[in-house]
Amino acid sequence: MTRDTRRAANVAAASVVVFAVLWLLTTQVSAIRALSPMSDDPWDAVATYAAIFLPFIAGPTWVRSLRHRLPQLPTVTARRIRWGASVAAAIVVVASTTDIVAIATIGWPPGAGAAGVLVTVLAAVAAATSAVAIALLARTTTTASAAAAEQTLDPEPDIVDDALSLATDVAGAVGLRRPVERLASWIETFLDRSAASPRRHRIIFGVVLALGAAVAFDVWHAIREGPWAAPWVPLLFGTLIGSAILAAYLGTLKPLRLLRPPR
């Protein structure tokens, strides 16, 4: 079960990486964006929301997969990895298929050349890879459901615990374990004991995170694209972005155990 879970999660991670490259090329490279058939809504909206949701899903899943490298994954950990990988792959298959539909219905303008070929190939690879990942995860989930052993972690770490442990392991490989351990210990103490800890105020933390992201988006957009046309426009777009961030956070808080209650 562990080997199959890791294989399926790795394929899902590969699909996310391919989609990330596709998203960067079609949204952040001006020369390609100007030619891209996906640059307008609804195609662009799908890519935007995929880019918002994927870090909340693929990021924690990737950290958890790297942290738990024992020959046998605890059942609860494997379940969370499969959930995250499945949702990430589903988002990629929807977003990349949307790009393919845009390319097929609108097409590339004359002169798109290698850029058009590259983007089209990336969209096809992302769609195919994510579809394979979904199939592997479905089979793995079916097999896992029939497993008799129920292995758990008590207390189960959240994604911050896993990230700090992973950072300590990596630091140990380069001779920096002691200072990183001290920093990780300080962070854990703050998160478990401070009255201002996000672990004590998980919902409020999500709201603050969403508001911060909304403001950051409005500022970034104004710097990149120029001043907003009217005051209500950044309010509208900030609300849309903030709502998506909050939905992504709340939707993954428990299934991916982003933050546990303080000990």
Protein backbone atom coordinates (compact mmCIF):
# COMPACT_ATOMS: atom_id res chain seq x y z
CA MET A 1 0.00 0.00 0.00
CA THR A 2 2.83 2.42 0.88
CA ARG A 3 4.67 1.87 -2.38
CA ASP A 4 1.52 2.31 -4.46
CA THR A 5 0.57 5.45 -2.53
CA ARG A 6 4.00 6.98 -3.09
CA ARG A 7 3.98 6.10 -6.80
CA ALA A 8 0.54 7.60 -7.34
CA ALA A 9 1.42 10.71 -5.33
CA ASN A 10 4.63 11.16 -7.34
CA VAL A 11 2.70 11.05 -10.61
CA ALA A 12 0.25 13.61 -9.23
CA ALA A 13 3.18 15.81 -8.15
CA ALA A 14 4.64 15.59 -11.66
CA SER A 15 1.34 16.75 -13.14
CA VAL A 16 1.29 19.73 -10.76
CA VAL A 17 4.85 20.68 -11.77
CA VAL A 18 3.97 20.53 -15.48
CA PHE A 19 0.86 22.63 -14.89
CA ALA A 20 2.89 25.14 -12.85
CA VAL A 21 5.25 25.62 -15.80
CA LEU A 22 2.26 25.94 -18.13
CA TRP A 23 0.65 28.53 -15.83
CA LEU A 24 3.84 30.56 -15.51
CA LEU A 25 4.35 30.66 -19.28
CA THR A 26 0.77 31.62 -20.13
CA THR A 27 0.20 34.14 -17.35
CA GLN A 28 3.58 35.62 -16.40
CA VAL A 29 5.48 35.70 -19.71
CA SER A 30 4.08 38.73 -21.50
CA ALA A 31 5.11 37.63 -24.99
CA ILE A 32 3.26 34.31 -24.64
CA ARG A 33 0.29 35.76 -22.77
CA ALA A 34 -0.32 38.24 -25.58
CA LEU A 35 -0.73 35.34 -28.02
CA SER A 36 -2.35 32.80 -25.70
CA PRO A 37 -5.94 31.75 -26.44
CA MET A 38 -6.33 31.22 -22.65
CA SER A 39 -5.56 34.82 -21.70
CA ASP A 40 -9.22 35.88 -21.38
CA ASP A 41 -12.06 34.61 -19.20
CA PRO A 42 -13.40 32.04 -18.64
CA TRP A 43 -10.15 30.27 -19.45
CA ASP A 44 -8.01 32.65 -17.41
CA ALA A 45 -10.37 32.45 -14.43
CA VAL A 46 -10.00 28.66 -14.30
CA ALA A 47 -6.20 28.95 -14.35
CA THR A 48 -6.28 31.63 -11.65
CA TYR A 49 -8.38 29.59 -9.25
CA ALA A 50 -6.32 26.49 -9.95
CA ALA A 51 -3.19 28.48 -9.06
CA ILE A 52 -4.84 29.61 -5.81
CA PHE A 53 -6.02 26.17 -4.68
CA LEU A 54 -3.03 24.05 -5.69
CA PRO A 55 -0.50 25.48 -3.18
CA PHE A 56 -2.86 24.67 -0.30
CA ILE A 57 -3.22 21.10 -1.52
CA ALA A 58 -0.07 20.08 -3.37
CA GLY A 59 2.31 21.92 -1.01
CA PRO A 60 1.28 20.22 2.24
CA THR A 61 0.95 16.86 0.49
CA TRP A 62 4.47 17.18 -0.91
CA VAL A 63 5.91 18.13 2.50
CA ARG A 64 4.11 15.24 4.20
CA SER A 65 5.29 12.78 1.53
CA LEU A 66 8.90 13.86 1.92
CA ARG A 67 8.79 13.86 5.72
CA HIS A 68 7.32 10.38 6.15
CA ARG A 69 9.82 8.12 4.41
CA LEU A 70 9.45 5.00 6.55
CA PRO A 71 8.97 1.69 4.71
CA GLN A 72 5.38 1.60 5.95
CA LEU A 73 3.25 4.73 6.04
CA PRO A 74 0.87 5.07 8.99
CA THR A 75 -2.67 4.62 7.70
CA VAL A 76 -3.80 8.13 8.60
CA THR A 77 -0.75 9.66 6.89
CA ALA A 78 -1.25 7.61 3.74
CA ARG A 79 -4.90 8.61 3.68
CA ARG A 80 -4.03 12.30 3.85
CA ILE A 81 -1.41 11.95 1.11
CA ARG A 82 -3.89 10.17 -1.16
CA TRP A 83 -6.57 12.80 -0.49
CA GLY A 84 -4.22 15.67 -1.28
CA ALA A 85 -2.77 14.01 -4.36
CA SER A 86 -6.24 13.13 -5.68
CA VAL A 87 -7.61 16.66 -5.30
CA ALA A 88 -4.45 18.20 -6.78
CA ALA A 89 -4.61 15.87 -9.78
CA ALA A 90 -8.31 16.62 -10.26
CA ILE A 91 -7.63 20.37 -10.29
CA VAL A 92 -4.85 19.91 -12.83
CA VAL A 93 -6.95 17.74 -15.12
CA VAL A 94 -9.77 20.29 -15.11
CA ALA A 95 -7.49 23.31 -15.62
CA SER A 96 -5.31 21.72 -18.31
CA THR A 97 -8.34 20.32 -20.15
CA THR A 98 -9.82 23.83 -20.09
CA ASP A 99 -6.62 25.09 -21.72
CA ILE A 100 -6.86 22.40 -24.38
CA VAL A 101 -10.47 23.38 -25.11
CA ALA A 102 -9.40 27.04 -25.44
CA ILE A 103 -6.62 26.09 -27.84
CA ALA A 104 -8.97 23.89 -29.88
CA THR A 105 -11.80 26.44 -30.10
CA ILE A 106 -9.87 29.72 -30.37
CA GLY A 107 -6.53 28.57 -31.73
CA TRP A 108 -3.14 30.24 -31.81
CA PRO A 109 -2.69 33.36 -33.94
CA PRO A 110 -0.30 33.31 -36.89
CA GLY A 111 3.27 33.60 -35.77
CA ALA A 112 2.82 31.83 -32.44
CA GLY A 113 5.38 29.31 -33.62
CA ALA A 114 7.38 27.41 -31.01
CA ALA A 115 5.60 29.09 -28.12
CA GLY A 116 2.24 27.74 -29.29
CA VAL A 117 3.65 24.26 -29.75
CA LEU A 118 5.31 24.29 -26.33
CA VAL A 119 2.18 25.46 -24.50
CA THR A 120 -0.02 22.95 -26.33
CA VAL A 121 2.34 20.09 -25.49
CA LEU A 122 2.52 21.14 -21.84
CA ALA A 123 -1.28 21.29 -21.60
CA ALA A 124 -1.57 17.81 -23.11
CA VAL A 125 1.13 16.37 -20.84
CA ALA A 126 -0.46 17.94 -17.73
CA ALA A 127 -3.89 16.54 -18.64
CA ALA A 128 -2.54 13.07 -19.42
CA THR A 129 -0.31 12.88 -16.34
CA SER A 130 -3.04 14.02 -13.97
CA ALA A 131 -5.48 11.52 -15.50
CA VAL A 132 -2.96 8.71 -14.92
CA ALA A 133 -2.47 9.91 -11.34
CA ILE A 134 -6.22 9.84 -10.69
CA ALA A 135 -6.44 6.28 -12.02
CA LEU A 136 -3.51 5.14 -9.86
CA LEU A 137 -4.92 6.86 -6.78
CA ALA A 138 -8.34 5.31 -7.32
CA ARG A 139 -6.80 1.84 -7.46
CA THR A 140 -4.58 2.55 -4.45
CA THR A 141 -7.52 3.84 -2.41
CA THR A 142 -9.51 0.72 -3.19
CA THR A 143 -6.61 -1.49 -2.11
CA ALA A 144 -6.04 0.55 1.05
CA SER A 145 -9.69 0.29 2.04
CA ALA A 146 -9.36 -3.47 2.11
CA ALA A 147 -6.26 -3.38 4.34
CA ALA A 148 -6.79 -4.75 7.82
CA ALA A 149 -4.05 -2.92 9.73
CA GLU A 150 -4.82 0.55 11.05
CA GLN A 151 -1.60 2.36 11.90
CA THR A 152 -1.87 5.84 13.38
CA LEU A 153 0.39 8.52 14.80
CA ASP A 154 -0.43 9.70 18.30
CA PRO A 155 -0.37 12.63 18.50
CA GLU A 156 -0.61 13.13 14.76
CA PRO A 157 1.63 15.99 13.52
CA ASP A 158 0.26 18.84 11.48
CA ILE A 159 1.94 20.20 8.37
CA VAL A 160 4.02 22.65 10.43
CA ASP A 161 5.41 19.79 12.52
CA ASP A 162 6.27 17.89 9.36
CA ALA A 163 7.84 20.93 7.68
CA LEU A 164 10.02 21.71 10.71
CA SER A 165 11.10 18.08 11.04
CA LEU A 166 11.90 17.96 7.34
CA ALA A 167 13.91 21.18 7.59
CA THR A 168 15.87 19.72 10.50
CA ASP A 169 16.60 16.54 8.54
CA VAL A 170 17.82 18.52 5.54
CA ALA A 171 19.91 20.79 7.76
CA GLY A 172 21.51 17.74 9.34
CA ALA A 173 22.69 16.59 5.94
CA VAL A 174 24.63 19.85 5.46
CA GLY A 175 25.92 20.18 9.03
CA LEU A 176 23.42 22.75 10.27
CA ARG A 177 21.16 20.56 12.39
CA ARG A 178 21.77 22.30 15.73
CA PRO A 179 20.80 25.89 14.77
CA VAL A 180 17.83 24.67 12.75
CA GLU A 181 16.71 22.45 15.63
CA ARG A 182 16.84 25.46 17.97
CA LEU A 183 14.80 27.55 15.55
CA ALA A 184 12.28 24.72 15.06
CA SER A 185 11.98 24.26 18.83
CA TRP A 186 11.32 27.99 19.29
CA ILE A 187 8.64 27.96 16.59
CA GLU A 188 6.95 24.90 18.09
CA THR A 189 7.01 26.47 21.57
CA PHE A 190 5.42 29.64 20.23
CA LEU A 191 2.74 27.75 18.30
CA ASP A 192 1.83 25.55 21.27
CA ARG A 193 2.05 28.11 24.10
CA SER A 194 1.51 31.62 22.75
CA ALA A 195 -1.93 33.17 23.06
CA ALA A 196 -1.40 34.59 19.55
CA SER A 197 -0.61 31.19 18.02
CA PRO A 198 -2.39 30.34 14.75
CA ARG A 199 -3.04 26.91 16.26
CA ARG A 200 -5.26 28.55 18.89
CA HIS A 201 -7.06 30.73 16.33
CA ARG A 202 -7.17 28.61 13.21
CA ILE A 203 -10.22 30.26 11.64
CA ILE A 204 -9.05 33.80 12.43
CA PHE A 205 -5.65 32.92 10.98
CA GLY A 206 -7.34 31.87 7.74
CA VAL A 207 -9.28 35.14 7.57
CA VAL A 208 -6.11 37.19 8.16
CA LEU A 209 -4.28 35.13 5.54
CA ALA A 210 -7.07 35.74 3.01
CA LEU A 211 -7.15 39.48 3.70
CA GLY A 212 -3.37 39.73 3.38
CA ALA A 213 -3.43 37.83 0.10
CA ALA A 214 -6.21 40.06 -1.27
CA VAL A 215 -4.30 43.25 -0.43
CA ALA A 216 -1.07 41.80 -1.83
CA PHE A 217 -2.83 40.88 -5.08
CA ASP A 218 -4.31 44.37 -5.49
CA VAL A 219 -0.94 46.01 -4.87
CA TRP A 220 0.91 43.60 -7.16
CA HIS A 221 -1.66 44.09 -9.93
CA ALA A 222 -1.42 47.88 -9.63
CA ILE A 223 2.37 47.71 -9.90
CA ARG A 224 2.31 45.27 -12.82
CA GLU A 225 -0.64 46.63 -14.81
CA GLY A 226 -0.86 50.25 -13.64
CA PRO A 227 -3.39 52.08 -11.44
CA TRP A 228 -6.84 50.55 -11.07
CA ALA A 229 -9.54 52.15 -13.25
CA ALA A 230 -11.90 52.77 -10.32
CA PRO A 231 -11.86 52.20 -6.54
CA TRP A 232 -14.48 49.45 -6.68
CA VAL A 233 -12.42 47.32 -9.09
CA PRO A 234 -9.63 46.38 -6.64
CA LEU A 235 -12.30 45.81 -3.99
CA LEU A 236 -14.08 43.37 -6.28
CA PHE A 237 -10.96 41.50 -7.35
CA GLY A 238 -9.57 41.50 -3.83
CA THR A 239 -12.83 40.00 -2.57
CA LEU A 240 -12.73 37.28 -5.22
CA ILE A 241 -9.11 36.41 -4.47
CA GLY A 242 -9.57 36.59 -0.70
CA SER A 243 -12.69 34.43 -0.83
CA ALA A 244 -10.85 31.81 -2.88
CA ILE A 245 -7.89 31.82 -0.47
CA LEU A 246 -10.20 31.44 2.53
CA ALA A 247 -12.16 28.65 0.83
CA ALA A 248 -8.94 26.82 -0.04
CA TYR A 249 -7.65 27.17 3.52
CA LEU A 250 -10.86 26.08 5.22
CA GLY A 251 -11.35 23.22 2.75
CA THR A 252 -7.91 21.77 3.48
CA LEU A 253 -7.47 22.69 7.16
CA LYS A 254 -8.82 19.39 8.51
CA PRO A 255 -8.39 16.94 5.59
CA LEU A 256 -4.70 17.85 5.26
CA ARG A 257 -4.27 18.76 8.95
CA LEU A 258 -2.66 22.11 8.15
CA LEU A 259 -2.81 23.19 11.78
CA ARG A 260 -3.50 20.97 14.79
CA PRO A 261 -4.79 22.19 18.15
CA PRO A 262 -1.96 23.21 20.53
CA ARG A 263 -0.71 20.51 22.88
